[in-house]
Amino acid sequence: METTIERIRGDKHLTVHTDETAVINRLLRLADEQPDKVQIMHRYEYDGELGGITAAMPADWFVLPRQPKKMNYTDEQRAELGDRLRRSLSKTSATCGKTDAEIDGN
């Protein structure tokens, strides 16, 4: 499985070549939703099934991924975060489905 992104400085579009099913599906969906911005340039078939595509899209859509932040919490911080989440969820469940007037007691 491989996905290659070709982006040339100064060009308004970039090109994506892929044979990864998830990327193919996402590009096909984008092409359906925004045909003026995403064009499927070529479809590669293997044994009668779609095996890869080449697509063009706006170059300014591309964002280089960042490494996820690792959060190092103490046991006390984890407990406080858990308590805060539980309080928030209990408030949400208590007001779910009510109008603003019902919540305010009017």
C-alpha atoms as a PDB file:
ATOM      1  CA  MET A   1       0.000   0.000   0.000  1.00  0.00           C
ATOM      2  CA  GLU A   2       1.294   3.401  -0.903  1.00  0.00           C
ATOM      3  CA  THR A   3       0.163   7.006  -1.124  1.00  0.00           C
ATOM      4  CA  THR A   4       2.300   9.640  -2.785  1.00  0.00           C
ATOM      5  CA  ILE A   5       1.592  13.363  -2.660  1.00  0.00           C
ATOM      6  CA  GLU A   6       3.252  15.516  -5.295  1.00  0.00           C
ATOM      7  CA  ARG A   7       3.288  19.196  -4.417  1.00  0.00           C
ATOM      8  CA  ILE A   8       5.370  21.689  -6.356  1.00  0.00           C
ATOM      9  CA  ARG A   9       6.022  25.107  -4.849  1.00  0.00           C
ATOM     10  CA  GLY A  10       4.048  27.761  -6.675  1.00  0.00           C
ATOM     11  CA  ASP A  11       1.497  25.345  -8.166  1.00  0.00           C
ATOM     12  CA  LYS A  12      -2.116  25.853  -7.134  1.00  0.00           C
ATOM     13  CA  HIS A  13      -2.852  22.105  -7.181  1.00  0.00           C
ATOM     14  CA  LEU A  14      -1.207  19.013  -5.799  1.00  0.00           C
ATOM     15  CA  THR A  15      -1.493  15.459  -7.077  1.00  0.00           C
ATOM     16  CA  VAL A  16      -2.242  12.385  -4.970  1.00  0.00           C
ATOM     17  CA  HIS A  17      -1.454   8.865  -6.222  1.00  0.00           C
ATOM     18  CA  THR A  18      -2.785   6.089  -3.984  1.00  0.00           C
ATOM     19  CA  ASP A  19      -3.780   2.448  -3.802  1.00  0.00           C
ATOM     20  CA  GLU A  20      -4.901   2.633  -0.139  1.00  0.00           C
ATOM     21  CA  THR A  21      -8.623   1.914   0.166  1.00  0.00           C
ATOM     22  CA  ALA A  22      -9.299   4.494   2.896  1.00  0.00           C
ATOM     23  CA  VAL A  23      -7.539   7.256   0.948  1.00  0.00           C
ATOM     24  CA  ILE A  24      -9.270   6.239  -2.307  1.00  0.00           C
ATOM     25  CA  ASN A  25     -12.675   6.391  -0.601  1.00  0.00           C
ATOM     26  CA  ARG A  26     -11.949   9.783   0.935  1.00  0.00           C
ATOM     27  CA  LEU A  27     -10.761  11.240  -2.379  1.00  0.00           C
ATOM     28  CA  LEU A  28     -13.790   9.839  -4.228  1.00  0.00           C
ATOM     29  CA  ARG A  29     -16.093  11.351  -1.598  1.00  0.00           C
ATOM     30  CA  LEU A  30     -14.317  14.730  -1.858  1.00  0.00           C
ATOM     31  CA  ALA A  31     -14.594  14.599  -5.663  1.00  0.00           C
ATOM     32  CA  ASP A  32     -18.358  13.958  -5.361  1.00  0.00           C
ATOM     33  CA  GLU A  33     -18.843  16.726  -2.787  1.00  0.00           C
ATOM     34  CA  GLN A  34     -16.597  19.327  -4.430  1.00  0.00           C
ATOM     35  CA  PRO A  35     -16.126  18.473  -8.112  1.00  0.00           C
ATOM     36  CA  ASP A  36     -14.920  21.995  -8.851  1.00  0.00           C
ATOM     37  CA  LYS A  37     -11.934  21.493  -6.504  1.00  0.00           C
ATOM     38  CA  VAL A  38     -11.130  17.762  -6.568  1.00  0.00           C
ATOM     39  CA  GLN A  39     -10.715  15.917  -9.851  1.00  0.00           C
ATOM     40  CA  ILE A  40     -10.078  12.206 -10.276  1.00  0.00           C
ATOM     41  CA  MET A  41      -7.536  12.217 -13.088  1.00  0.00           C
ATOM     42  CA  HIS A  42      -7.008   8.475 -13.495  1.00  0.00           C
ATOM     43  CA  ARG A  43      -8.409   5.208 -12.158  1.00  0.00           C
ATOM     44  CA  TYR A  44      -6.262   2.105 -12.060  1.00  0.00           C
ATOM     45  CA  GLU A  45      -8.059  -1.222 -12.301  1.00  0.00           C
ATOM     46  CA  TYR A  46      -6.635  -4.593 -11.372  1.00  0.00           C
ATOM     47  CA  ASP A  47      -8.597  -7.738 -12.190  1.00  0.00           C
ATOM     48  CA  GLY A  48     -11.637  -5.591 -12.985  1.00  0.00           C
ATOM     49  CA  GLU A  49     -11.639  -3.804  -9.600  1.00  0.00           C
ATOM     50  CA  LEU A  50     -10.546  -0.313  -8.662  1.00  0.00           C
ATOM     51  CA  GLY A  51      -7.002  -0.641  -7.393  1.00  0.00           C
ATOM     52  CA  GLY A  52      -5.785   2.948  -7.294  1.00  0.00           C
ATOM     53  CA  ILE A  53      -6.428   6.516  -8.346  1.00  0.00           C
ATOM     54  CA  THR A  54      -4.665   9.737  -9.184  1.00  0.00           C
ATOM     55  CA  ALA A  55      -6.431  12.892  -8.039  1.00  0.00           C
ATOM     56  CA  ALA A  56      -5.773  16.631  -8.148  1.00  0.00           C
ATOM     57  CA  MET A  57      -6.829  19.057  -5.427  1.00  0.00           C
ATOM     58  CA  PRO A  58      -5.948  22.520  -4.144  1.00  0.00           C
ATOM     59  CA  ALA A  59      -2.386  22.637  -2.799  1.00  0.00           C
ATOM     60  CA  ASP A  60      -3.425  24.792   0.148  1.00  0.00           C
ATOM     61  CA  TRP A  61      -5.513  21.892   1.491  1.00  0.00           C
ATOM     62  CA  PHE A  62      -2.366  19.962   2.351  1.00  0.00           C
ATOM     63  CA  VAL A  63      -1.128  20.202   5.934  1.00  0.00           C
ATOM     64  CA  LEU A  64       1.943  18.308   7.041  1.00  0.00           C
ATOM     65  CA  PRO A  65       0.998  16.152  10.050  1.00  0.00           C
ATOM     66  CA  ARG A  66       2.413  17.041  13.456  1.00  0.00           C
ATOM     67  CA  GLN A  67       3.556  14.589  16.075  1.00  0.00           C
ATOM     68  CA  PRO A  68       0.833  14.087  18.709  1.00  0.00           C
ATOM     69  CA  LYS A  69       1.478  15.778  22.039  1.00  0.00           C
ATOM     70  CA  LYS A  70       2.184  13.432  24.929  1.00  0.00           C
ATOM     71  CA  MET A  71       0.445  14.603  28.062  1.00  0.00           C
ATOM     72  CA  ASN A  72       2.107  13.566  31.325  1.00  0.00           C
ATOM     73  CA  TYR A  73      -0.365  14.028  34.165  1.00  0.00           C
ATOM     74  CA  THR A  74       0.176  13.253  37.808  1.00  0.00           C
ATOM     75  CA  ASP A  75      -2.303  10.960  39.562  1.00  0.00           C
ATOM     76  CA  GLU A  76      -3.851  14.032  41.220  1.00  0.00           C
ATOM     77  CA  GLN A  77      -4.252  15.806  37.874  1.00  0.00           C
ATOM     78  CA  ARG A  78      -5.877  12.708  36.350  1.00  0.00           C
ATOM     79  CA  ALA A  79      -8.319  12.501  39.281  1.00  0.00           C
ATOM     80  CA  GLU A  80      -9.214  16.210  38.913  1.00  0.00           C
ATOM     81  CA  LEU A  81      -9.738  15.830  35.150  1.00  0.00           C
ATOM     82  CA  GLY A  82     -11.972  12.799  35.764  1.00  0.00           C
ATOM     83  CA  ASP A  83     -14.012  14.700  38.366  1.00  0.00           C
ATOM     84  CA  ARG A  84     -14.381  17.683  36.018  1.00  0.00           C
ATOM     85  CA  LEU A  85     -15.560  15.418  33.186  1.00  0.00           C
ATOM     86  CA  ARG A  86     -18.091  13.634  35.433  1.00  0.00           C
ATOM     87  CA  ARG A  87     -19.497  16.987  36.659  1.00  0.00           C
ATOM     88  CA  SER A  88     -19.792  18.237  33.086  1.00  0.00           C
ATOM     89  CA  LEU A  89     -21.526  15.053  31.924  1.00  0.00           C
ATOM     90  CA  SER A  90     -23.968  15.105  34.837  1.00  0.00           C
ATOM     91  CA  LYS A  91     -24.932  18.713  34.018  1.00  0.00           C
ATOM     92  CA  THR A  92     -25.403  17.809  30.364  1.00  0.00           C
ATOM     93  CA  SER A  93     -27.546  14.754  31.096  1.00  0.00           C
ATOM     94  CA  ALA A  94     -29.684  16.739  33.572  1.00  0.00           C
ATOM     95  CA  THR A  95     -30.510  19.374  30.950  1.00  0.00           C
ATOM     96  CA  CYS A  96     -30.670  17.174  27.863  1.00  0.00           C
ATOM     97  CA  GLY A  97     -33.880  17.691  25.899  1.00  0.00           C
ATOM     98  CA  LYS A  98     -35.046  20.657  27.981  1.00  0.00           C
ATOM     99  CA  THR A  99     -35.730  24.144  26.654  1.00  0.00           C
ATOM    100  CA  ASP A 100     -33.808  27.156  27.986  1.00  0.00           C
ATOM    101  CA  ALA A 101     -36.921  28.236  29.923  1.00  0.00           C
ATOM    102  CA  GLU A 102     -37.190  24.819  31.626  1.00  0.00           C
ATOM    103  CA  ILE A 103     -33.529  24.916  32.577  1.00  0.00           C
ATOM    104  CA  ASP A 104     -33.819  28.447  33.997  1.00  0.00           C
ATOM    105  CA  GLY A 105     -36.964  27.417  35.926  1.00  0.00           C
ATOM    106  CA  ASN A 106     -39.316  29.804  34.118  1.00  0.00           C
END
